[in-house]
Every structure is written in structure tokens, then in C-alpha cells.
């Protein structure tokens, strides 16, 4: 249903592809996660982190740019229906995501959530 992909542009091949998001009601033991519809895009940090919310399961996730390994995830109050932004204050980097939800029957809201990068 919904995936996040890394492409090798110099040879037109997919480097990695993984489901993005999860519908708990569709989880069947022994079957792969299907992903959810996606509502926004990712950002990639200088340090190689891919950061994306954009899913119906109200989570924000961080992946390794080279391998696609999920490094971290956190719950959001509603779906992050935008591409995250990043900014720096006094040498500390942050990410912020607009959480609005309300798409395809999802819970609606109006908040911003910020996280500090380690």
C-alpha cells in the first residue's frame, strides 16, 4: 500500500524499499506489514537520517539513509500530513512536523511537534 524507497539514480535501480506505516487491524501473523497511504515526503539530514511522518498510524520515523533500517519512531497526536522541517538553535538540530490528520477518516488536530536530534 505505502512504501518508502531509496533509489540509485545513476543506474535506475531501487536500493531499498520498505512498507511505511502500519494498520494494526490488518496485521496477520506471518504476513508482511502493508504500509499505509502516505501524506507527505521525507527529509534527509547531513548525517544520513531519513525522517518522515506522513502515515495514517500517527507516527514519525527515522531511517538510516544507506540501509533503510528503522532507527527510531515516536507517536504523534494525529497524522503528520506534511514534510518535516529541520532547524538549528545554538548548534543543536531539531525537527518539527505539522500534525493535522483528518484525511481518509483519521483523527483531526492542529499541532506542531518538535524533537531534538542527538
PDB file of N, CA and C in Angstrom:
ATOM      1  N   UNK A   1       0.828  -1.177   0.000  1.00  0.00           N
ATOM      2  CA  UNK A   1       0.000   0.000   0.000  1.00  0.00           C
ATOM      3  C   UNK A   1       0.876   1.245   0.000  1.00  0.00           C
ATOM      4  N   UNK A   2       1.647   1.476   1.066  1.00  0.00           N
ATOM      5  CA  UNK A   2       2.528   2.633   1.129  1.00  0.00           C
ATOM      6  C   UNK A   2       3.948   2.196   1.432  1.00  0.00           C
ATOM      7  N   UNK A   3       4.910   2.736   0.702  1.00  0.00           N
ATOM      8  CA  UNK A   3       6.310   2.378   0.918  1.00  0.00           C
ATOM      9  C   UNK A   3       7.174   3.630   0.933  1.00  0.00           C
ATOM     10  N   UNK A   4       8.378   3.468   1.464  1.00  0.00           N
ATOM     11  CA  UNK A   4       9.425   4.464   1.323  1.00  0.00           C
ATOM     12  C   UNK A   4      10.551   3.760   0.583  1.00  0.00           C
ATOM     13  N   UNK A   5      11.135   4.464  -0.376  1.00  0.00           N
ATOM     14  CA  UNK A   5      12.106   3.852  -1.277  1.00  0.00           C
ATOM     15  C   UNK A   5      13.377   4.680  -1.355  1.00  0.00           C
ATOM     16  N   UNK A   6      14.490   4.005  -1.543  1.00  0.00           N
ATOM     17  CA  UNK A   6      15.754   4.668  -1.840  1.00  0.00           C
ATOM     18  C   UNK A   6      16.192   4.192  -3.218  1.00  0.00           C
ATOM     19  N   UNK A   7      16.474   5.139  -4.092  1.00  0.00           N
ATOM     20  CA  UNK A   7      16.832   4.815  -5.473  1.00  0.00           C
ATOM     21  C   UNK A   7      18.297   5.108  -5.749  1.00  0.00           C
ATOM     22  N   UNK A   8      18.904   4.278  -6.567  1.00  0.00           N
ATOM     23  CA  UNK A   8      20.245   4.545  -7.101  1.00  0.00           C
ATOM     24  C   UNK A   8      20.036   5.257  -8.435  1.00  0.00           C
ATOM     25  N   UNK A   9      20.141   6.554  -8.420  1.00  0.00           N
ATOM     26  CA  UNK A   9      19.815   7.331  -9.613  1.00  0.00           C
ATOM     27  C   UNK A   9      20.784   7.104 -10.765  1.00  0.00           C
ATOM     28  N   UNK A  10      22.030   6.746 -10.464  1.00  0.00           N
ATOM     29  CA  UNK A  10      22.999   6.553 -11.544  1.00  0.00           C
ATOM     30  C   UNK A  10      22.781   5.264 -12.329  1.00  0.00           C
ATOM     31  N   UNK A  11      21.940   4.347 -11.807  1.00  0.00           N
ATOM     32  CA  UNK A  11      21.683   3.109 -12.548  1.00  0.00           C
ATOM     33  C   UNK A  11      20.199   2.739 -12.556  1.00  0.00           C
ATOM     34  N   UNK A  12      19.342   3.664 -12.130  1.00  0.00           N
ATOM     35  CA  UNK A  12      17.880   3.482 -12.173  1.00  0.00           C
ATOM     36  C   UNK A  12      17.420   2.203 -11.469  1.00  0.00           C
ATOM     37  N   UNK A  13      17.992   1.925 -10.300  1.00  0.00           N
ATOM     38  CA  UNK A  13      17.588   0.754  -9.524  1.00  0.00           C
ATOM     39  C   UNK A  13      17.165   1.177  -8.123  1.00  0.00           C
ATOM     40  N   UNK A  14      16.301   0.367  -7.531  1.00  0.00           N
ATOM     41  CA  UNK A  14      15.882   0.607  -6.155  1.00  0.00           C
ATOM     42  C   UNK A  14      16.940   0.030  -5.218  1.00  0.00           C
ATOM     43  N   UNK A  15      17.447   0.872  -4.319  1.00  0.00           N
ATOM     44  CA  UNK A  15      18.447   0.443  -3.336  1.00  0.00           C
ATOM     45  C   UNK A  15      17.770  -0.314  -2.196  1.00  0.00           C
ATOM     46  N   UNK A  16      16.704   0.266  -1.646  1.00  0.00           N
ATOM     47  CA  UNK A  16      15.886  -0.418  -0.649  1.00  0.00           C
ATOM     48  C   UNK A  16      14.471   0.119  -0.714  1.00  0.00           C
ATOM     49  N   UNK A  17      13.537  -0.713  -0.273  1.00  0.00           N
ATOM     50  CA  UNK A  17      12.116  -0.363  -0.270  1.00  0.00           C
ATOM     51  C   UNK A  17      11.475  -1.071   0.920  1.00  0.00           C
ATOM     52  N   UNK A  18      10.776  -0.295   1.768  1.00  0.00           N
ATOM     53  CA  UNK A  18      10.128  -0.885   2.936  1.00  0.00           C
ATOM     54  C   UNK A  18       8.724  -0.317   3.090  1.00  0.00           C
ATOM     55  N   UNK A  19       7.810  -1.080   3.693  1.00  0.00           N
ATOM     56  CA  UNK A  19       6.478  -0.546   3.963  1.00  0.00           C
ATOM     57  C   UNK A  19       6.584   0.647   4.913  1.00  0.00           C
ATOM     58  N   UNK A  20       5.770   1.664   4.673  1.00  0.00           N
ATOM     59  CA  UNK A  20       5.764   2.845   5.532  1.00  0.00           C
ATOM     60  C   UNK A  20       4.403   2.959   6.194  1.00  0.00           C
ATOM     61  N   UNK A  21       4.381   2.826   7.513  1.00  0.00           N
ATOM     62  CA  UNK A  21       3.136   2.875   8.266  1.00  0.00           C
ATOM     63  C   UNK A  21       2.589   1.481   8.493  1.00  0.00           C
ATOM     64  N   UNK A  22       1.583   1.417   9.364  1.00  0.00           N
ATOM     65  CA  UNK A  22       1.032   0.120   9.730  1.00  0.00           C
ATOM     66  C   UNK A  22      -0.422   0.279  10.175  1.00  0.00           C
ATOM     67  N   UNK A  23      -1.291  -0.538   9.620  1.00  0.00           N
ATOM     68  CA  UNK A  23      -2.667  -0.644  10.099  1.00  0.00           C
ATOM     69  C   UNK A  23      -2.720  -1.846  11.034  1.00  0.00           C
ATOM     70  N   UNK A  24      -2.850  -1.609  12.337  1.00  0.00           N
ATOM     71  CA  UNK A  24      -2.887  -2.725  13.292  1.00  0.00           C
ATOM     72  C   UNK A  24      -3.972  -3.732  12.943  1.00  0.00           C
ATOM     73  N   UNK A  25      -5.101  -3.251  12.432  1.00  0.00           N
ATOM     74  CA  UNK A  25      -6.219  -4.149  12.121  1.00  0.00           C
ATOM     75  C   UNK A  25      -5.910  -5.088  10.956  1.00  0.00           C
ATOM     76  N   UNK A  26      -4.877  -4.787  10.174  1.00  0.00           N
ATOM     77  CA  UNK A  26      -4.515  -5.646   9.040  1.00  0.00           C
ATOM     78  C   UNK A  26      -3.351  -6.578   9.347  1.00  0.00           C
ATOM     79  N   UNK A  27      -2.803  -6.491  10.554  1.00  0.00           N
ATOM     80  CA  UNK A  27      -1.676  -7.351  10.908  1.00  0.00           C
ATOM     81  C   UNK A  27      -2.132  -8.798  11.031  1.00  0.00           C
ATOM     82  N   UNK A  28      -1.496  -9.659  10.275  1.00  0.00           N
ATOM     83  CA  UNK A  28      -1.768 -11.093  10.323  1.00  0.00           C
ATOM     84  C   UNK A  28      -0.435 -11.780  10.605  1.00  0.00           C
ATOM     85  N   UNK A  29      -0.354 -12.574  11.675  1.00  0.00           N
ATOM     86  CA  UNK A  29       0.908 -13.247  11.982  1.00  0.00           C
ATOM     87  C   UNK A  29       1.455 -13.991  10.764  1.00  0.00           C
ATOM     88  N   UNK A  30       2.740 -13.798  10.511  1.00  0.00           N
ATOM     89  CA  UNK A  30       3.394 -14.460   9.392  1.00  0.00           C
ATOM     90  C   UNK A  30       3.283 -13.729   8.066  1.00  0.00           C
ATOM     91  N   UNK A  31       2.538 -12.622   8.031  1.00  0.00           N
ATOM     92  CA  UNK A  31       2.394 -11.841   6.802  1.00  0.00           C
ATOM     93  C   UNK A  31       3.096 -10.495   6.962  1.00  0.00           C
ATOM     94  N   UNK A  32       3.633  -9.954   5.884  1.00  0.00           N
ATOM     95  CA  UNK A  32       4.341  -8.675   5.982  1.00  0.00           C
ATOM     96  C   UNK A  32       3.390  -7.504   6.233  1.00  0.00           C
ATOM     97  N   UNK A  33       3.935  -6.448   6.808  1.00  0.00           N
ATOM     98  CA  UNK A  33       3.191  -5.204   7.001  1.00  0.00           C
ATOM     99  C   UNK A  33       2.919  -4.596   5.627  1.00  0.00           C
ATOM    100  N   UNK A  34       1.733  -4.025   5.450  1.00  0.00           N
ATOM    101  CA  UNK A  34       1.347  -3.493   4.138  1.00  0.00           C
ATOM    102  C   UNK A  34       1.710  -2.035   3.933  1.00  0.00           C
ATOM    103  N   UNK A  35       1.945  -1.289   5.006  1.00  0.00           N
ATOM    104  CA  UNK A  35       2.122   0.152   4.890  1.00  0.00           C
ATOM    105  C   UNK A  35       0.759   0.830   4.869  1.00  0.00           C
ATOM    106  N   UNK A  36       0.755   2.164   4.882  1.00  0.00           N
ATOM    107  CA  UNK A  36      -0.484   2.939   4.835  1.00  0.00           C
ATOM    108  C   UNK A  36      -0.367   3.970   3.724  1.00  0.00           C
ATOM    109  N   UNK A  37      -1.470   4.605   3.346  1.00  0.00           N
ATOM    110  CA  UNK A  37      -1.343   5.724   2.410  1.00  0.00           C
ATOM    111  C   UNK A  37      -0.378   6.758   2.994  1.00  0.00           C
ATOM    112  N   UNK A  38       0.366   7.413   2.140  1.00  0.00           N
ATOM    113  CA  UNK A  38       1.360   8.396   2.572  1.00  0.00           C
ATOM    114  C   UNK A  38       0.888   9.801   2.248  1.00  0.00           C
ATOM    115  N   UNK A  39       1.101  10.744   3.188  1.00  0.00           N
ATOM    116  CA  UNK A  39       0.574  12.103   3.079  1.00  0.00           C
ATOM    117  C   UNK A  39       1.636  13.178   2.930  1.00  0.00           C
ATOM    118  N   UNK A  40       2.891  12.853   2.912  1.00  0.00           N
ATOM    119  CA  UNK A  40       3.949  13.859   2.828  1.00  0.00           C
ATOM    120  C   UNK A  40       5.255  13.188   2.485  1.00  0.00           C
ATOM    121  N   UNK A  41       6.288  13.968   2.377  1.00  0.00           N
ATOM    122  CA  UNK A  41       7.580  13.423   1.992  1.00  0.00           C
ATOM    123  C   UNK A  41       8.578  13.434   3.141  1.00  0.00           C
ATOM    124  N   UNK A  42       9.754  12.849   2.901  1.00  0.00           N
ATOM    125  CA  UNK A  42      10.802  12.809   3.914  1.00  0.00           C
ATOM    126  C   UNK A  42      11.783  13.971   3.763  1.00  0.00           C
ATOM    127  N   UNK A  43      12.610  14.140   4.780  1.00  0.00           N
ATOM    128  CA  UNK A  43      13.810  14.958   4.661  1.00  0.00           C
ATOM    129  C   UNK A  43      14.987  14.043   4.963  1.00  0.00           C
ATOM    130  N   UNK A  44      16.165  14.419   4.493  1.00  0.00           N
ATOM    131  CA  UNK A  44      17.385  13.669   4.764  1.00  0.00           C
ATOM    132  C   UNK A  44      18.385  14.634   5.392  1.00  0.00           C
ATOM    133  N   UNK A  45      18.904  14.270   6.553  1.00  0.00           N
ATOM    134  CA  UNK A  45      19.861  15.135   7.231  1.00  0.00           C
ATOM    135  C   UNK A  45      21.269  14.912   6.690  1.00  0.00           C
ATOM    136  N   UNK A  46      22.144  15.853   6.983  1.00  0.00           N
ATOM    137  CA  UNK A  46      23.549  15.744   6.585  1.00  0.00           C
ATOM    138  C   UNK A  46      24.176  14.470   7.148  1.00  0.00           C
ATOM    139  N   UNK A  47      23.706  14.044   8.324  1.00  0.00           N
ATOM    140  CA  UNK A  47      24.231  12.841   8.957  1.00  0.00           C
ATOM    141  C   UNK A  47      23.649  11.542   8.428  1.00  0.00           C
ATOM    142  N   UNK A  48      22.775  11.608   7.409  1.00  0.00           N
ATOM    143  CA  UNK A  48      22.256  10.397   6.787  1.00  0.00           C
ATOM    144  C   UNK A  48      20.999   9.827   7.406  1.00  0.00           C
ATOM    145  N   UNK A  49      20.223  10.667   8.099  1.00  0.00           N
ATOM    146  CA  UNK A  49      18.950  10.220   8.656  1.00  0.00           C
ATOM    147  C   UNK A  49      17.815  10.607   7.724  1.00  0.00           C
ATOM    148  N   UNK A  50      16.924   9.668   7.430  1.00  0.00           N
ATOM    149  CA  UNK A  50      15.718   9.933   6.649  1.00  0.00           C
ATOM    150  C   UNK A  50      14.583  10.056   7.661  1.00  0.00           C
ATOM    151  N   UNK A  51      13.921  11.221   7.676  1.00  0.00           N
ATOM    152  CA  UNK A  51      12.887  11.497   8.671  1.00  0.00           C
ATOM    153  C   UNK A  51      11.569  11.717   7.954  1.00  0.00           C
ATOM    154  N   UNK A  52      10.546  10.958   8.365  1.00  0.00           N
ATOM    155  CA  UNK A  52       9.240  11.047   7.707  1.00  0.00           C
ATOM    156  C   UNK A  52       8.126  10.705   8.700  1.00  0.00           C
ATOM    157  N   UNK A  53       7.028  11.412   8.589  1.00  0.00           N
ATOM    158  CA  UNK A  53       5.804  11.074   9.329  1.00  0.00           C
ATOM    159  C   UNK A  53       4.839  10.539   8.266  1.00  0.00           C
ATOM    160  N   UNK A  54       3.909  11.353   7.784  1.00  0.00           N
ATOM    161  CA  UNK A  54       3.150  11.085   6.559  1.00  0.00           C
ATOM    162  C   UNK A  54       2.344   9.797   6.513  1.00  0.00           C
ATOM    163  N   UNK A  55       2.012   9.194   7.666  1.00  0.00           N
ATOM    164  CA  UNK A  55       1.272   7.935   7.642  1.00  0.00           C
ATOM    165  C   UNK A  55      -0.006   8.025   8.467  1.00  0.00           C
ATOM    166  N   UNK A  56      -0.915   7.114   8.219  1.00  0.00           N
ATOM    167  CA  UNK A  56      -2.204   7.096   8.909  1.00  0.00           C
ATOM    168  C   UNK A  56      -2.113   6.554  10.333  1.00  0.00           C
ATOM    169  N   UNK A  57      -0.954   6.038  10.734  1.00  0.00           N
ATOM    170  CA  UNK A  57      -0.835   5.459  12.081  1.00  0.00           C
ATOM    171  C   UNK A  57      -0.263   6.428  13.117  1.00  0.00           C
ATOM    172  N   UNK A  58      -0.202   7.711  12.771  1.00  0.00           N
ATOM    173  CA  UNK A  58       0.185   8.761  13.729  1.00  0.00           C
ATOM    174  C   UNK A  58       1.579   8.570  14.316  1.00  0.00           C
ATOM    175  N   UNK A  59       2.547   8.262  13.479  1.00  0.00           N
ATOM    176  CA  UNK A  59       3.929   8.093  13.943  1.00  0.00           C
ATOM    177  C   UNK A  59       4.879   8.911  13.075  1.00  0.00           C
ATOM    178  N   UNK A  60       6.017   9.246  13.659  1.00  0.00           N
ATOM    179  CA  UNK A  60       7.138   9.796  12.914  1.00  0.00           C
ATOM    180  C   UNK A  60       8.262   8.783  13.039  1.00  0.00           C
ATOM    181  N   UNK A  61       9.003   8.591  11.954  1.00  0.00           N
ATOM    182  CA  UNK A  61      10.037   7.559  11.933  1.00  0.00           C
ATOM    183  C   UNK A  61      11.344   8.128  11.398  1.00  0.00           C
ATOM    184  N   UNK A  62      12.442   7.509  11.852  1.00  0.00           N
ATOM    185  CA  UNK A  62      13.773   7.855  11.360  1.00  0.00           C
ATOM    186  C   UNK A  62      14.413   6.578  10.833  1.00  0.00           C
ATOM    187  N   UNK A  63      14.929   6.664   9.598  1.00  0.00           N
ATOM    188  CA  UNK A  63      15.574   5.526   8.946  1.00  0.00           C
ATOM    189  C   UNK A  63      17.018   5.870   8.604  1.00  0.00           C
ATOM    190  N   UNK A  64      17.844   4.846   8.496  1.00  0.00           N
ATOM    191  CA  UNK A  64      19.203   5.010   8.002  1.00  0.00           C
ATOM    192  C   UNK A  64      19.154   5.178   6.490  1.00  0.00           C
ATOM    193  N   UNK A  65      19.772   6.223   5.979  1.00  0.00           N
ATOM    194  CA  UNK A  65      19.738   6.531   4.546  1.00  0.00           C
ATOM    195  C   UNK A  65      20.333   5.411   3.692  1.00  0.00           C
ATOM    196  N   UNK A  66      21.359   4.749   4.190  1.00  0.00           N
ATOM    197  CA  UNK A  66      22.048   3.748   3.380  1.00  0.00           C
ATOM    198  C   UNK A  66      21.392   2.376   3.401  1.00  0.00           C
ATOM    199  N   UNK A  67      20.787   2.003   4.532  1.00  0.00           N
ATOM    200  CA  UNK A  67      20.267   0.639   4.670  1.00  0.00           C
ATOM    201  C   UNK A  67      18.746   0.543   4.747  1.00  0.00           C
ATOM    202  N   UNK A  68      18.073   1.650   5.100  1.00  0.00           N
ATOM    203  CA  UNK A  68      16.632   1.608   5.307  1.00  0.00           C
ATOM    204  C   UNK A  68      16.233   1.091   6.675  1.00  0.00           C
ATOM    205  N   UNK A  69      17.209   0.789   7.523  1.00  0.00           N
ATOM    206  CA  UNK A  69      16.903   0.299   8.869  1.00  0.00           C
ATOM    207  C   UNK A  69      16.175   1.384   9.659  1.00  0.00           C
ATOM    208  N   UNK A  70      15.078   0.995  10.328  1.00  0.00           N
ATOM    209  CA  UNK A  70      14.363   1.941  11.182  1.00  0.00           C
ATOM    210  C   UNK A  70      15.162   2.123  12.459  1.00  0.00           C
ATOM    211  N   UNK A  71      15.553   3.370  12.731  1.00  0.00           N
ATOM    212  CA  UNK A  71      16.373   3.676  13.892  1.00  0.00           C
ATOM    213  C   UNK A  71      15.566   4.168  15.083  1.00  0.00           C
ATOM    214  N   UNK A  72      14.399   4.753  14.800  1.00  0.00           N
ATOM    215  CA  UNK A  72      13.619   5.377  15.877  1.00  0.00           C
ATOM    216  C   UNK A  72      12.220   5.656  15.361  1.00  0.00           C
ATOM    217  N   UNK A  73      11.246   5.665  16.270  1.00  0.00           N
ATOM    218  CA  UNK A  73       9.874   6.055  15.943  1.00  0.00           C
ATOM    219  C   UNK A  73       9.236   6.644  17.190  1.00  0.00           C
ATOM    220  N   UNK A  74       8.280   7.543  16.982  1.00  0.00           N
ATOM    221  CA  UNK A  74       7.552   8.144  18.101  1.00  0.00           C
ATOM    222  C   UNK A  74       6.111   8.377  17.689  1.00  0.00           C
ATOM    223  N   UNK A  75       5.224   8.356  18.672  1.00  0.00           N
ATOM    224  CA  UNK A  75       3.812   8.640  18.432  1.00  0.00           C
ATOM    225  C   UNK A  75       3.596  10.137  18.274  1.00  0.00           C
ATOM    226  N   UNK A  76       2.650  10.493  17.411  1.00  0.00           N
ATOM    227  CA  UNK A  76       2.220  11.873  17.212  1.00  0.00           C
ATOM    228  C   UNK A  76       0.760  11.986  17.640  1.00  0.00           C
ATOM    229  N   UNK A  77       0.276  13.197  17.964  1.00  0.00           N
ATOM    230  CA  UNK A  77      -1.122  13.335  18.374  1.00  0.00           C
ATOM    231  C   UNK A  77      -2.108  13.015  17.252  1.00  0.00           C
ATOM    232  N   UNK A  78      -1.748  13.313  16.016  1.00  0.00           N
ATOM    233  CA  UNK A  78      -2.520  12.964  14.817  1.00  0.00           C
ATOM    234  C   UNK A  78      -1.519  12.706  13.700  1.00  0.00           C
ATOM    235  N   UNK A  79      -1.992  12.394  12.523  1.00  0.00           N
ATOM    236  CA  UNK A  79      -1.089  12.126  11.400  1.00  0.00           C
ATOM    237  C   UNK A  79      -0.244  13.346  11.068  1.00  0.00           C
ATOM    238  N   UNK A  80       1.017  13.114  10.763  1.00  0.00           N
ATOM    239  CA  UNK A  80       1.890  14.175  10.265  1.00  0.00           C
ATOM    240  C   UNK A  80       1.658  14.302   8.771  1.00  0.00           C
ATOM    241  N   UNK A  81       0.854  15.263   8.376  1.00  0.00           N
ATOM    242  CA  UNK A  81       0.427  15.362   6.975  1.00  0.00           C
ATOM    243  C   UNK A  81       1.247  16.392   6.203  1.00  0.00           C
ATOM    244  N   UNK A  82       2.508  16.487   6.541  1.00  0.00           N
ATOM    245  CA  UNK A  82       3.398  17.428   5.872  1.00  0.00           C
ATOM    246  C   UNK A  82       4.801  16.843   5.879  1.00  0.00           C
ATOM    247  N   UNK A  83       5.676  17.445   5.115  1.00  0.00           N
ATOM    248  CA  UNK A  83       7.083  17.071   5.154  1.00  0.00           C
ATOM    249  C   UNK A  83       7.708  17.735   6.380  1.00  0.00           C
ATOM    250  N   UNK A  84       8.488  16.999   7.183  1.00  0.00           N
ATOM    251  CA  UNK A  84       9.113  17.616   8.351  1.00  0.00           C
ATOM    252  C   UNK A  84      10.055  18.751   7.939  1.00  0.00           C
ATOM    253  N   UNK A  85      10.311  19.642   8.874  1.00  0.00           N
ATOM    254  CA  UNK A  85      11.299  20.705   8.686  1.00  0.00           C
ATOM    255  C   UNK A  85      12.397  20.504   9.722  1.00  0.00           C
ATOM    256  N   UNK A  86      13.567  21.012   9.434  1.00  0.00           N
ATOM    257  CA  UNK A  86      14.668  20.932  10.385  1.00  0.00           C
ATOM    258  C   UNK A  86      15.242  22.322  10.583  1.00  0.00           C
ATOM    259  N   UNK A  87      15.727  22.572  11.792  1.00  0.00           N
ATOM    260  CA  UNK A  87      16.341  23.860  12.105  1.00  0.00           C
ATOM    261  C   UNK A  87      17.361  23.650  13.218  1.00  0.00           C
ATOM    262  N   UNK A  88      18.210  24.640  13.423  1.00  0.00           N
ATOM    263  CA  UNK A  88      19.258  24.552  14.426  1.00  0.00           C
ATOM    264  C   UNK A  88      19.207  25.773  15.332  1.00  0.00           C
ATOM    265  N   UNK A  89      19.377  25.551  16.634  1.00  0.00           N
ATOM    266  CA  UNK A  89      19.453  26.625  17.621  1.00  0.00           C
ATOM    267  C   UNK A  89      20.673  26.356  18.493  1.00  0.00           C
ATOM    268  N   UNK A  90      21.598  27.298  18.513  1.00  0.00           N
ATOM    269  CA  UNK A  90      22.821  27.164  19.321  1.00  0.00           C
ATOM    270  C   UNK A  90      23.543  25.843  19.065  1.00  0.00           C
ATOM    271  N   UNK A  91      23.607  25.433  17.803  1.00  0.00           N
ATOM    272  CA  UNK A  91      24.319  24.223  17.429  1.00  0.00           C
ATOM    273  C   UNK A  91      23.554  22.932  17.635  1.00  0.00           C
ATOM    274  N   UNK A  92      22.342  22.982  18.144  1.00  0.00           N
ATOM    275  CA  UNK A  92      21.514  21.786  18.351  1.00  0.00           C
ATOM    276  C   UNK A  92      20.489  21.705  17.230  1.00  0.00           C
ATOM    277  N   UNK A  93      20.386  20.537  16.571  1.00  0.00           N
ATOM    278  CA  UNK A  93      19.459  20.368  15.450  1.00  0.00           C
ATOM    279  C   UNK A  93      18.137  19.791  15.936  1.00  0.00           C
ATOM    280  N   UNK A  94      17.047  20.332  15.374  1.00  0.00           N
ATOM    281  CA  UNK A  94      15.695  19.908  15.713  1.00  0.00           C
ATOM    282  C   UNK A  94      14.935  19.564  14.441  1.00  0.00           C
ATOM    283  N   UNK A  95      13.901  18.744  14.600  1.00  0.00           N
ATOM    284  CA  UNK A  95      12.944  18.512  13.524  1.00  0.00           C
ATOM    285  C   UNK A  95      11.569  18.888  14.062  1.00  0.00           C
ATOM    286  N   UNK A  96      10.726  19.386  13.186  1.00  0.00           N
ATOM    287  CA  UNK A  96       9.361  19.749  13.574  1.00  0.00           C
ATOM    288  C   UNK A  96       8.416  19.248  12.494  1.00  0.00           C
ATOM    289  N   UNK A  97       7.248  18.794  12.908  1.00  0.00           N
ATOM    290  CA  UNK A  97       6.256  18.276  11.970  1.00  0.00           C
ATOM    291  C   UNK A  97       4.892  18.863  12.313  1.00  0.00           C
ATOM    292  N   UNK A  98       4.155  19.254  11.287  1.00  0.00           N
ATOM    293  CA  UNK A  98       2.774  19.709  11.465  1.00  0.00           C
ATOM    294  C   UNK A  98       1.875  18.481  11.526  1.00  0.00           C
ATOM    295  N   UNK A  99       1.088  18.379  12.570  1.00  0.00           N
ATOM    296  CA  UNK A  99       0.179  17.246  12.763  1.00  0.00           C
ATOM    297  C   UNK A  99      -1.248  17.743  12.608  1.00  0.00           C
ATOM    298  N   UNK A 100      -1.895  17.331  11.538  1.00  0.00           N
ATOM    299  CA  UNK A 100      -3.252  17.791  11.284  1.00  0.00           C
ATOM    300  C   UNK A 100      -4.249  16.667  11.160  1.00  0.00           C
ATOM    301  N   UNK A 101      -3.805  15.551  10.607  1.00  0.00           N
ATOM    302  CA  UNK A 101      -4.706  14.417  10.437  1.00  0.00           C
ATOM    303  C   UNK A 101      -5.909  14.771   9.593  1.00  0.00           C
ATOM    304  N   UNK A 102      -7.009  14.092   9.850  1.00  0.00           N
ATOM    305  CA  UNK A 102      -8.264  14.378   9.174  1.00  0.00           C
ATOM    306  C   UNK A 102      -8.408  13.805   7.782  1.00  0.00           C
ATOM    307  N   UNK A 103      -7.410  13.107   7.277  1.00  0.00           N
ATOM    308  CA  UNK A 103      -7.509  12.523   5.941  1.00  0.00           C
ATOM    309  C   UNK A 103      -8.035  11.106   6.042  1.00  0.00           C
ATOM    310  N   UNK A 104      -8.874  10.743   5.104  1.00  0.00           N
ATOM    311  CA  UNK A 104      -9.393   9.375   4.992  1.00  0.00           C
ATOM    312  C   UNK A 104      -9.932   8.853   6.325  1.00  0.00           C
ATOM    313  N   UNK A 105     -10.669   9.700   7.050  1.00  0.00           N
ATOM    314  CA  UNK A 105     -11.302   9.279   8.290  1.00  0.00           C
ATOM    315  C   UNK A 105     -10.409   9.299   9.513  1.00  0.00           C
ATOM    316  N   UNK A 106      -9.170   9.771   9.372  1.00  0.00           N
ATOM    317  CA  UNK A 106      -8.254   9.813  10.513  1.00  0.00           C
ATOM    318  C   UNK A 106      -8.634  10.935  11.472  1.00  0.00           C
ATOM    319  N   UNK A 107      -8.227  10.786  12.714  1.00  0.00           N
ATOM    320  CA  UNK A 107      -8.446  11.805  13.736  1.00  0.00           C
ATOM    321  C   UNK A 107      -7.857  13.139  13.266  1.00  0.00           C
ATOM    322  N   UNK A 108      -8.571  14.232  13.521  1.00  0.00           N
ATOM    323  CA  UNK A 108      -8.142  15.560  13.104  1.00  0.00           C
ATOM    324  C   UNK A 108      -7.516  16.306  14.275  1.00  0.00           C
ATOM    325  N   UNK A 109      -6.616  17.231  13.976  1.00  0.00           N
ATOM    326  CA  UNK A 109      -5.975  18.024  15.017  1.00  0.00           C
ATOM    327  C   UNK A 109      -5.267  19.222  14.418  1.00  0.00           C
ATOM    328  N   UNK A 110      -4.569  19.977  15.260  1.00  0.00           N
ATOM    329  CA  UNK A 110      -3.862  21.166  14.783  1.00  0.00           C
ATOM    330  C   UNK A 110      -2.681  21.482  15.690  1.00  0.00           C
ATOM    331  N   UNK A 111      -1.638  20.686  15.597  1.00  0.00           N
ATOM    332  CA  UNK A 111      -0.482  20.901  16.460  1.00  0.00           C
ATOM    333  C   UNK A 111       0.819  20.740  15.684  1.00  0.00           C
ATOM    334  N   UNK A 112       1.868  21.273  16.270  1.00  0.00           N
ATOM    335  CA  UNK A 112       3.226  21.063  15.793  1.00  0.00           C
ATOM    336  C   UNK A 112       3.965  20.295  16.872  1.00  0.00           C
ATOM    337  N   UNK A 113       4.794  19.339  16.463  1.00  0.00           N
ATOM    338  CA  UNK A 113       5.588  18.566  17.411  1.00  0.00           C
ATOM    339  C   UNK A 113       7.044  18.683  16.985  1.00  0.00           C
ATOM    340  N   UNK A 114       7.916  19.013  17.944  1.00  0.00           N
ATOM    341  CA  UNK A 114       9.347  19.155  17.656  1.00  0.00           C
ATOM    342  C   UNK A 114      10.138  18.131  18.458  1.00  0.00           C
ATOM    343  N   UNK A 115      11.232  17.666  17.864  1.00  0.00           N
ATOM    344  CA  UNK A 115      12.134  16.715  18.504  1.00  0.00           C
ATOM    345  C   UNK A 115      13.557  17.221  18.330  1.00  0.00           C
ATOM    346  N   UNK A 116      14.397  17.006  19.332  1.00  0.00           N
ATOM    347  CA  UNK A 116      15.817  17.328  19.229  1.00  0.00           C
ATOM    348  C   UNK A 116      16.557  16.098  18.719  1.00  0.00           C
ATOM    349  N   UNK A 117      17.494  16.296  17.808  1.00  0.00           N
ATOM    350  CA  UNK A 117      18.330  15.192  17.347  1.00  0.00           C
ATOM    351  C   UNK A 117      19.486  15.016  18.325  1.00  0.00           C
ATOM    352  N   UNK A 118      19.950  13.781  18.503  1.00  0.00           N
ATOM    353  CA  UNK A 118      21.056  13.559  19.460  1.00  0.00           C
ATOM    354  C   UNK A 118      22.354  14.194  18.989  1.00  0.00           C
TER     355      UNK A 118
END
